[in-house]
């Protein structure tokens, strides 16, 4: 299958030099790189943030309607406003 790619000039120059040094074609070099990336992406599981809670009770009742600034001040021990 044919396709067209826009590749930056410096990257293309480097790729052509590598292909020439290794006695291969630019096409083969690009395919090799794509195979590596595709294989790596298939192996890596999707990131999942695990569910964590502390005692499962959420915020203390007196902080339910507090501003983020108030919560930060309390957590860092700053004077309350």
N, C-alpha and C. Protein backbone atom coordinates (compact mmCIF):
# COMPACT_ATOMS: atom_id res chain seq x y z
N UNK A 1 0.84 -1.17 0.00
CA UNK A 1 0.00 0.00 0.00
C UNK A 1 0.89 1.24 0.00
N UNK A 2 0.51 2.21 -0.78
CA UNK A 2 1.27 3.45 -0.83
C UNK A 2 0.60 4.49 0.04
N UNK A 3 1.44 5.32 0.66
CA UNK A 3 0.94 6.45 1.45
C UNK A 3 1.98 7.57 1.39
N UNK A 4 1.58 8.73 1.77
CA UNK A 4 2.48 9.87 1.78
C UNK A 4 2.64 10.36 3.20
N UNK A 5 3.88 10.61 3.61
CA UNK A 5 4.16 11.11 4.94
C UNK A 5 4.94 12.41 4.85
N UNK A 6 4.67 13.32 5.75
CA UNK A 6 5.47 14.53 5.88
C UNK A 6 6.45 14.29 7.02
N UNK A 7 7.74 14.26 6.68
CA UNK A 7 8.79 14.01 7.66
C UNK A 7 9.71 15.22 7.65
N UNK A 8 10.13 15.65 8.83
CA UNK A 8 11.00 16.82 8.89
C UNK A 8 12.29 16.54 8.12
N UNK A 9 12.84 17.57 7.51
CA UNK A 9 14.06 17.42 6.71
C UNK A 9 15.22 16.82 7.50
N UNK A 10 15.50 17.30 8.72
CA UNK A 10 16.63 16.72 9.47
C UNK A 10 16.43 15.23 9.77
N UNK A 11 15.20 14.85 10.13
CA UNK A 11 14.93 13.44 10.42
C UNK A 11 15.07 12.59 9.17
N UNK A 12 14.59 13.08 8.07
CA UNK A 12 14.69 12.35 6.81
C UNK A 12 16.16 12.18 6.39
N UNK A 13 16.96 13.24 6.54
CA UNK A 13 18.39 13.14 6.21
C UNK A 13 19.08 12.08 7.06
N UNK A 14 18.78 12.12 8.38
CA UNK A 14 19.38 11.12 9.28
C UNK A 14 18.94 9.70 8.92
N UNK A 15 17.67 9.54 8.60
CA UNK A 15 17.15 8.21 8.24
C UNK A 15 17.80 7.70 6.96
N UNK A 16 17.98 8.57 5.99
CA UNK A 16 18.63 8.16 4.73
C UNK A 16 20.08 7.75 4.96
N UNK A 17 20.77 8.49 5.84
CA UNK A 17 22.15 8.13 6.16
C UNK A 17 22.22 6.76 6.83
N UNK A 18 21.32 6.52 7.77
CA UNK A 18 21.30 5.22 8.46
C UNK A 18 20.99 4.10 7.48
N UNK A 19 20.00 4.33 6.61
CA UNK A 19 19.63 3.31 5.62
C UNK A 19 20.81 3.00 4.71
N UNK A 20 21.52 4.03 4.26
CA UNK A 20 22.68 3.81 3.39
C UNK A 20 23.78 3.06 4.13
N UNK A 21 24.04 3.47 5.37
CA UNK A 21 25.09 2.82 6.16
C UNK A 21 24.78 1.34 6.41
N UNK A 22 23.49 1.04 6.59
CA UNK A 22 23.09 -0.34 6.87
C UNK A 22 22.77 -1.13 5.61
N UNK A 23 22.89 -0.49 4.47
CA UNK A 23 22.63 -1.19 3.20
C UNK A 23 21.18 -1.60 3.03
N UNK A 24 20.28 -0.75 3.48
CA UNK A 24 18.86 -1.05 3.36
C UNK A 24 18.16 0.14 2.72
N UNK A 25 16.88 0.05 2.55
CA UNK A 25 16.13 1.15 1.95
C UNK A 25 15.47 1.99 3.04
N UNK A 26 15.11 3.19 2.67
CA UNK A 26 14.39 4.06 3.59
C UNK A 26 13.05 3.41 3.96
N UNK A 27 12.42 2.81 2.99
CA UNK A 27 11.15 2.12 3.24
C UNK A 27 11.30 1.04 4.29
N UNK A 28 12.34 0.22 4.16
CA UNK A 28 12.56 -0.85 5.13
C UNK A 28 12.83 -0.29 6.52
N UNK A 29 13.58 0.80 6.58
CA UNK A 29 13.89 1.43 7.85
C UNK A 29 12.63 1.98 8.52
N UNK A 30 11.77 2.63 7.73
CA UNK A 30 10.52 3.17 8.26
C UNK A 30 9.62 2.04 8.74
N UNK A 31 9.52 0.98 7.97
CA UNK A 31 8.70 -0.17 8.37
C UNK A 31 9.22 -0.80 9.66
N UNK A 32 10.54 -0.90 9.78
CA UNK A 32 11.14 -1.47 10.99
C UNK A 32 10.78 -0.61 12.21
N UNK A 33 10.87 0.70 12.07
CA UNK A 33 10.52 1.60 13.17
C UNK A 33 9.05 1.51 13.53
N UNK A 34 8.19 1.48 12.54
CA UNK A 34 6.76 1.37 12.81
C UNK A 34 6.41 0.05 13.48
N UNK A 35 7.06 -1.04 13.04
CA UNK A 35 6.81 -2.35 13.69
C UNK A 35 7.17 -2.31 15.17
N UNK A 36 8.30 -1.69 15.47
CA UNK A 36 8.73 -1.59 16.88
C UNK A 36 7.70 -0.83 17.71
N UNK A 37 7.26 0.30 17.21
CA UNK A 37 6.31 1.13 17.95
C UNK A 37 4.98 0.41 18.11
N UNK A 38 4.49 -0.19 17.05
CA UNK A 38 3.21 -0.90 17.11
C UNK A 38 3.30 -2.05 18.11
N UNK A 39 4.38 -2.80 18.08
CA UNK A 39 4.56 -3.91 19.02
C UNK A 39 4.61 -3.40 20.46
N UNK A 40 5.35 -2.33 20.68
CA UNK A 40 5.46 -1.75 22.02
C UNK A 40 4.10 -1.27 22.52
N UNK A 41 3.34 -0.61 21.68
CA UNK A 41 2.03 -0.08 22.08
C UNK A 41 1.05 -1.21 22.37
N UNK A 42 1.14 -2.30 21.65
CA UNK A 42 0.23 -3.43 21.88
C UNK A 42 0.53 -4.10 23.22
N UNK A 43 1.81 -4.19 23.58
CA UNK A 43 2.21 -4.85 24.81
C UNK A 43 1.86 -4.06 26.06
N UNK A 44 1.96 -2.75 25.98
CA UNK A 44 1.78 -1.91 27.15
C UNK A 44 0.29 -1.81 27.49
N UNK A 45 -0.09 -2.22 28.71
CA UNK A 45 -1.51 -2.11 29.07
C UNK A 45 -1.90 -0.64 29.26
N UNK A 46 -3.17 -0.37 29.06
CA UNK A 46 -3.66 0.98 29.26
C UNK A 46 -3.49 1.37 30.72
N UNK A 47 -3.16 2.64 30.94
CA UNK A 47 -3.02 3.12 32.31
C UNK A 47 -4.38 3.21 32.96
N UNK A 48 -4.48 2.66 34.16
CA UNK A 48 -5.71 2.74 34.92
C UNK A 48 -5.37 3.26 36.30
N UNK A 49 -6.00 4.33 36.69
CA UNK A 49 -5.81 4.89 38.02
C UNK A 49 -6.64 4.05 38.99
N UNK A 50 -5.98 3.52 39.99
CA UNK A 50 -6.72 2.67 40.92
C UNK A 50 -7.55 3.52 41.86
N UNK A 51 -8.64 2.95 42.31
CA UNK A 51 -9.53 3.62 43.24
C UNK A 51 -8.91 3.58 44.63
N UNK A 52 -8.71 4.73 45.23
CA UNK A 52 -8.17 4.78 46.59
C UNK A 52 -9.01 5.73 47.44
N UNK A 53 -9.20 5.35 48.67
CA UNK A 53 -9.89 6.20 49.63
C UNK A 53 -9.21 6.04 50.98
N UNK A 54 -9.45 6.96 51.85
CA UNK A 54 -8.95 6.85 53.21
C UNK A 54 -10.17 6.68 54.10
N UNK A 55 -10.37 5.49 54.56
CA UNK A 55 -11.52 5.13 55.40
C UNK A 55 -12.86 5.30 54.68
N UNK A 56 -12.83 5.73 53.43
CA UNK A 56 -14.04 5.81 52.62
C UNK A 56 -15.07 6.83 53.08
N UNK A 57 -14.68 7.80 53.89
CA UNK A 57 -15.67 8.75 54.42
C UNK A 57 -15.60 10.13 53.76
N UNK A 58 -14.71 10.34 52.82
CA UNK A 58 -14.62 11.63 52.15
C UNK A 58 -14.11 12.72 53.08
N UNK A 59 -14.50 13.96 52.82
CA UNK A 59 -14.06 15.09 53.64
C UNK A 59 -14.74 15.07 55.00
N UNK A 60 -14.04 15.68 55.96
CA UNK A 60 -14.64 15.85 57.27
C UNK A 60 -15.87 16.72 57.11
N UNK A 61 -16.90 16.52 57.93
CA UNK A 61 -18.14 17.29 57.77
C UNK A 61 -17.93 18.79 57.75
N UNK A 62 -17.01 19.31 58.58
CA UNK A 62 -16.79 20.76 58.62
C UNK A 62 -16.11 21.30 57.36
N UNK A 63 -15.61 20.41 56.52
CA UNK A 63 -14.95 20.84 55.29
C UNK A 63 -15.77 20.57 54.03
N UNK A 64 -16.95 20.04 54.17
CA UNK A 64 -17.78 19.68 53.01
C UNK A 64 -17.98 20.86 52.06
N UNK A 65 -18.19 22.04 52.59
CA UNK A 65 -18.45 23.22 51.74
C UNK A 65 -17.29 24.21 51.76
N UNK A 66 -16.12 23.77 52.24
CA UNK A 66 -14.97 24.67 52.33
C UNK A 66 -14.36 24.90 50.95
N UNK A 67 -13.73 26.05 50.79
CA UNK A 67 -13.04 26.35 49.53
C UNK A 67 -11.73 25.55 49.47
N UNK A 68 -11.20 25.43 48.27
CA UNK A 68 -9.93 24.73 48.11
C UNK A 68 -8.82 25.43 48.89
N UNK A 69 -8.86 26.76 48.92
CA UNK A 69 -7.86 27.52 49.67
C UNK A 69 -7.92 27.18 51.16
N UNK A 70 -9.11 27.04 51.70
CA UNK A 70 -9.28 26.69 53.12
C UNK A 70 -8.73 25.29 53.39
N UNK A 71 -9.02 24.36 52.53
CA UNK A 71 -8.53 22.99 52.70
C UNK A 71 -7.01 22.96 52.63
N UNK A 72 -6.43 23.69 51.69
CA UNK A 72 -4.96 23.76 51.58
C UNK A 72 -4.35 24.38 52.83
N UNK A 73 -4.95 25.46 53.30
CA UNK A 73 -4.43 26.13 54.49
C UNK A 73 -4.43 25.17 55.68
N UNK A 74 -5.50 24.43 55.86
CA UNK A 74 -5.55 23.47 56.96
C UNK A 74 -4.55 22.33 56.78
N UNK A 75 -4.40 21.85 55.56
CA UNK A 75 -3.49 20.72 55.34
C UNK A 75 -2.03 21.10 55.52
N UNK A 76 -1.70 22.40 55.26
CA UNK A 76 -0.32 22.84 55.44
C UNK A 76 -0.10 23.58 56.76
N UNK A 77 -1.15 23.68 57.57
CA UNK A 77 -1.01 24.32 58.87
C UNK A 77 -0.92 25.83 58.82
N UNK A 78 -1.42 26.44 57.74
CA UNK A 78 -1.43 27.90 57.64
C UNK A 78 -2.54 28.45 58.55
N UNK A 79 -2.42 29.68 58.94
CA UNK A 79 -3.48 30.29 59.75
C UNK A 79 -4.79 30.33 58.97
N UNK A 80 -5.88 30.11 59.64
CA UNK A 80 -7.22 30.12 59.01
C UNK A 80 -7.66 31.55 58.78
N UNK A 81 -8.46 31.72 57.78
CA UNK A 81 -9.01 33.05 57.50
C UNK A 81 -10.33 33.21 58.16
